[in-house]
Amino acid sequence: MPKSKDARVTIASECTSCTRKEPGDESTGISRYTTRKNRRNTPTRLESKKYCFCCHKHTIHKELKK
């Protein structure tokens, strides 16, 4: 049986402020969330405001590249 192209895919989103840390700064980690999106309805990269447990505030999380 051939593999079916499913419209729903699992994506990972990462905090934008944690990844922009300076090289000398001590980072506690990077906040990542996983979710599912419909590829046909949202072909662009997903961007949402989520709570970052590393920054201890709500920040913008962007979809990662595959």
N, C-alpha and C. Protein backbone atom coordinates (compact mmCIF):
# COMPACT_ATOMS: atom_id res chain seq x y z
N MET A 1 0.84 -1.19 0.00
CA MET A 1 0.00 0.00 0.00
C MET A 1 0.88 1.25 0.00
N PRO A 2 0.53 2.22 -0.84
CA PRO A 2 1.31 3.46 -0.85
C PRO A 2 0.98 4.33 0.36
N LYS A 3 1.95 5.14 0.76
CA LYS A 3 1.72 6.05 1.88
C LYS A 3 0.77 7.16 1.44
N SER A 4 -0.17 7.50 2.30
CA SER A 4 -1.12 8.58 1.98
C SER A 4 -0.56 9.91 2.45
N LYS A 5 -0.77 10.95 1.66
CA LYS A 5 -0.35 12.30 2.06
C LYS A 5 -1.43 12.86 2.96
N ASP A 6 -1.16 12.88 4.25
CA ASP A 6 -2.13 13.37 5.22
C ASP A 6 -2.08 14.90 5.25
N ALA A 7 -3.24 15.54 5.36
CA ALA A 7 -3.30 17.00 5.40
C ALA A 7 -2.85 17.53 6.75
N ARG A 8 -3.02 16.75 7.81
CA ARG A 8 -2.63 17.20 9.15
C ARG A 8 -1.21 16.70 9.46
N VAL A 9 -0.36 17.64 9.86
CA VAL A 9 1.02 17.30 10.20
C VAL A 9 1.33 17.80 11.61
N THR A 10 2.26 17.13 12.27
CA THR A 10 2.71 17.54 13.60
C THR A 10 3.87 18.52 13.42
N ILE A 11 3.77 19.67 14.10
CA ILE A 11 4.82 20.68 14.00
C ILE A 11 5.34 21.00 15.39
N ALA A 12 6.54 21.56 15.44
CA ALA A 12 7.12 22.02 16.69
C ALA A 12 7.30 23.52 16.60
N SER A 13 6.98 24.23 17.68
CA SER A 13 7.20 25.67 17.71
C SER A 13 8.16 26.00 18.84
N GLU A 14 9.01 27.00 18.59
CA GLU A 14 10.08 27.33 19.51
C GLU A 14 10.00 28.80 19.90
N CYS A 15 10.37 29.11 21.14
CA CYS A 15 10.37 30.47 21.64
C CYS A 15 11.39 31.30 20.88
N THR A 16 10.99 32.50 20.45
CA THR A 16 11.90 33.35 19.68
C THR A 16 12.85 34.12 20.57
N SER A 17 12.45 34.46 21.78
CA SER A 17 13.35 35.24 22.64
C SER A 17 14.44 34.37 23.27
N CYS A 18 14.20 33.11 23.50
CA CYS A 18 15.23 32.22 24.06
C CYS A 18 16.33 31.93 23.05
N THR A 19 15.99 31.83 21.78
CA THR A 19 16.98 31.49 20.77
C THR A 19 17.87 32.68 20.44
N ARG A 20 17.46 33.90 20.78
CA ARG A 20 18.24 35.08 20.48
C ARG A 20 19.17 35.49 21.61
N LYS A 21 19.46 34.60 22.52
CA LYS A 21 20.36 34.90 23.64
C LYS A 21 21.77 35.15 23.12
N GLU A 22 22.50 35.99 23.82
CA GLU A 22 23.90 36.27 23.47
C GLU A 22 24.75 35.05 23.82
N PRO A 23 25.86 34.84 23.13
CA PRO A 23 26.70 33.67 23.41
C PRO A 23 27.24 33.62 24.84
N GLY A 24 27.48 34.79 25.46
CA GLY A 24 28.02 34.81 26.82
C GLY A 24 26.98 34.60 27.90
N ASP A 25 25.68 34.80 27.57
CA ASP A 25 24.61 34.66 28.57
C ASP A 25 24.39 33.20 28.94
N GLU A 26 24.01 32.99 30.17
CA GLU A 26 23.69 31.64 30.65
C GLU A 26 22.23 31.35 30.31
N SER A 27 21.99 30.38 29.45
CA SER A 27 20.64 30.03 29.04
C SER A 27 20.14 28.85 29.87
N THR A 28 18.88 28.91 30.33
CA THR A 28 18.31 27.81 31.11
C THR A 28 17.71 26.74 30.20
N GLY A 29 17.53 27.05 28.93
CA GLY A 29 16.97 26.09 27.99
C GLY A 29 16.13 26.80 26.95
N ILE A 30 15.50 26.03 26.09
CA ILE A 30 14.66 26.57 25.03
C ILE A 30 13.28 25.95 25.18
N SER A 31 12.25 26.80 25.15
CA SER A 31 10.87 26.35 25.29
C SER A 31 10.35 25.90 23.93
N ARG A 32 9.82 24.68 23.88
CA ARG A 32 9.24 24.15 22.63
C ARG A 32 7.88 23.56 22.91
N TYR A 33 6.95 23.77 21.98
CA TYR A 33 5.61 23.18 22.03
C TYR A 33 5.39 22.38 20.75
N THR A 34 4.58 21.33 20.84
CA THR A 34 4.18 20.59 19.64
C THR A 34 2.69 20.71 19.47
N THR A 35 2.27 20.76 18.22
CA THR A 35 0.85 20.85 17.89
C THR A 35 0.64 20.28 16.50
N ARG A 36 -0.61 20.17 16.08
CA ARG A 36 -0.93 19.69 14.74
C ARG A 36 -1.62 20.79 13.97
N LYS A 37 -1.32 20.87 12.68
CA LYS A 37 -1.97 21.87 11.84
C LYS A 37 -2.37 21.23 10.52
N ASN A 38 -3.37 21.84 9.89
CA ASN A 38 -3.82 21.38 8.59
C ASN A 38 -2.99 22.07 7.52
N ARG A 39 -2.30 21.30 6.73
CA ARG A 39 -1.40 21.84 5.71
C ARG A 39 -2.15 22.61 4.63
N ARG A 40 -3.37 22.22 4.32
CA ARG A 40 -4.15 22.89 3.26
C ARG A 40 -4.71 24.23 3.73
N ASN A 41 -5.18 24.31 4.98
CA ASN A 41 -5.76 25.55 5.48
C ASN A 41 -4.71 26.57 5.90
N THR A 42 -3.58 26.12 6.41
CA THR A 42 -2.52 27.02 6.86
C THR A 42 -1.20 26.62 6.22
N PRO A 43 -0.96 27.05 4.99
CA PRO A 43 0.30 26.68 4.34
C PRO A 43 1.50 27.48 4.85
N THR A 44 1.26 28.63 5.47
CA THR A 44 2.35 29.46 5.99
C THR A 44 2.79 28.94 7.35
N ARG A 45 3.91 29.46 7.83
CA ARG A 45 4.43 29.05 9.14
C ARG A 45 3.54 29.59 10.25
N LEU A 46 3.26 28.75 11.23
CA LEU A 46 2.39 29.10 12.34
C LEU A 46 3.16 29.93 13.37
N GLU A 47 2.47 30.92 13.93
CA GLU A 47 3.07 31.80 14.93
C GLU A 47 2.02 32.04 16.01
N SER A 48 2.35 31.74 17.26
CA SER A 48 1.38 31.91 18.34
C SER A 48 2.08 32.41 19.60
N LYS A 49 1.30 32.99 20.48
CA LYS A 49 1.82 33.51 21.74
C LYS A 49 1.57 32.46 22.82
N LYS A 50 2.66 31.93 23.37
CA LYS A 50 2.58 30.88 24.39
C LYS A 50 3.45 31.26 25.59
N TYR A 51 3.25 30.54 26.68
CA TYR A 51 4.04 30.79 27.89
C TYR A 51 5.39 30.09 27.76
N CYS A 52 6.46 30.83 27.97
CA CYS A 52 7.82 30.28 27.95
C CYS A 52 8.25 30.04 29.39
N PHE A 53 8.51 28.79 29.73
CA PHE A 53 8.91 28.48 31.11
C PHE A 53 10.36 28.86 31.38
N CYS A 54 11.13 29.15 30.34
CA CYS A 54 12.52 29.61 30.54
C CYS A 54 12.56 31.11 30.81
N CYS A 55 11.74 31.88 30.06
CA CYS A 55 11.70 33.34 30.23
C CYS A 55 10.74 33.75 31.35
N HIS A 56 9.83 32.87 31.73
CA HIS A 56 8.78 33.12 32.72
C HIS A 56 7.84 34.25 32.28
N LYS A 57 7.49 34.26 30.98
CA LYS A 57 6.52 35.23 30.46
C LYS A 57 5.97 34.70 29.14
N HIS A 58 4.91 35.35 28.64
CA HIS A 58 4.32 34.98 27.37
C HIS A 58 5.14 35.59 26.24
N THR A 59 5.59 34.75 25.30
CA THR A 59 6.39 35.20 24.17
C THR A 59 5.85 34.58 22.89
N ILE A 60 6.35 35.05 21.77
CA ILE A 60 5.93 34.52 20.47
C ILE A 60 6.72 33.25 20.18
N HIS A 61 6.01 32.20 19.80
CA HIS A 61 6.61 30.92 19.42
C HIS A 61 6.36 30.73 17.93
N LYS A 62 7.43 30.46 17.17
CA LYS A 62 7.32 30.26 15.72
C LYS A 62 7.58 28.81 15.38
N GLU A 63 6.97 28.39 14.27
CA GLU A 63 7.13 27.02 13.78
C GLU A 63 8.57 26.79 13.31
N LEU A 64 9.12 25.63 13.67
CA LEU A 64 10.47 25.29 13.27
C LEU A 64 10.51 24.76 11.84
N LYS A 65 11.68 24.85 11.21
CA LYS A 65 11.88 24.27 9.88
C LYS A 65 12.05 22.78 10.05
N LYS A 66 11.69 22.04 9.02
CA LYS A 66 11.86 20.58 9.06
C LYS A 66 13.19 20.18 8.52
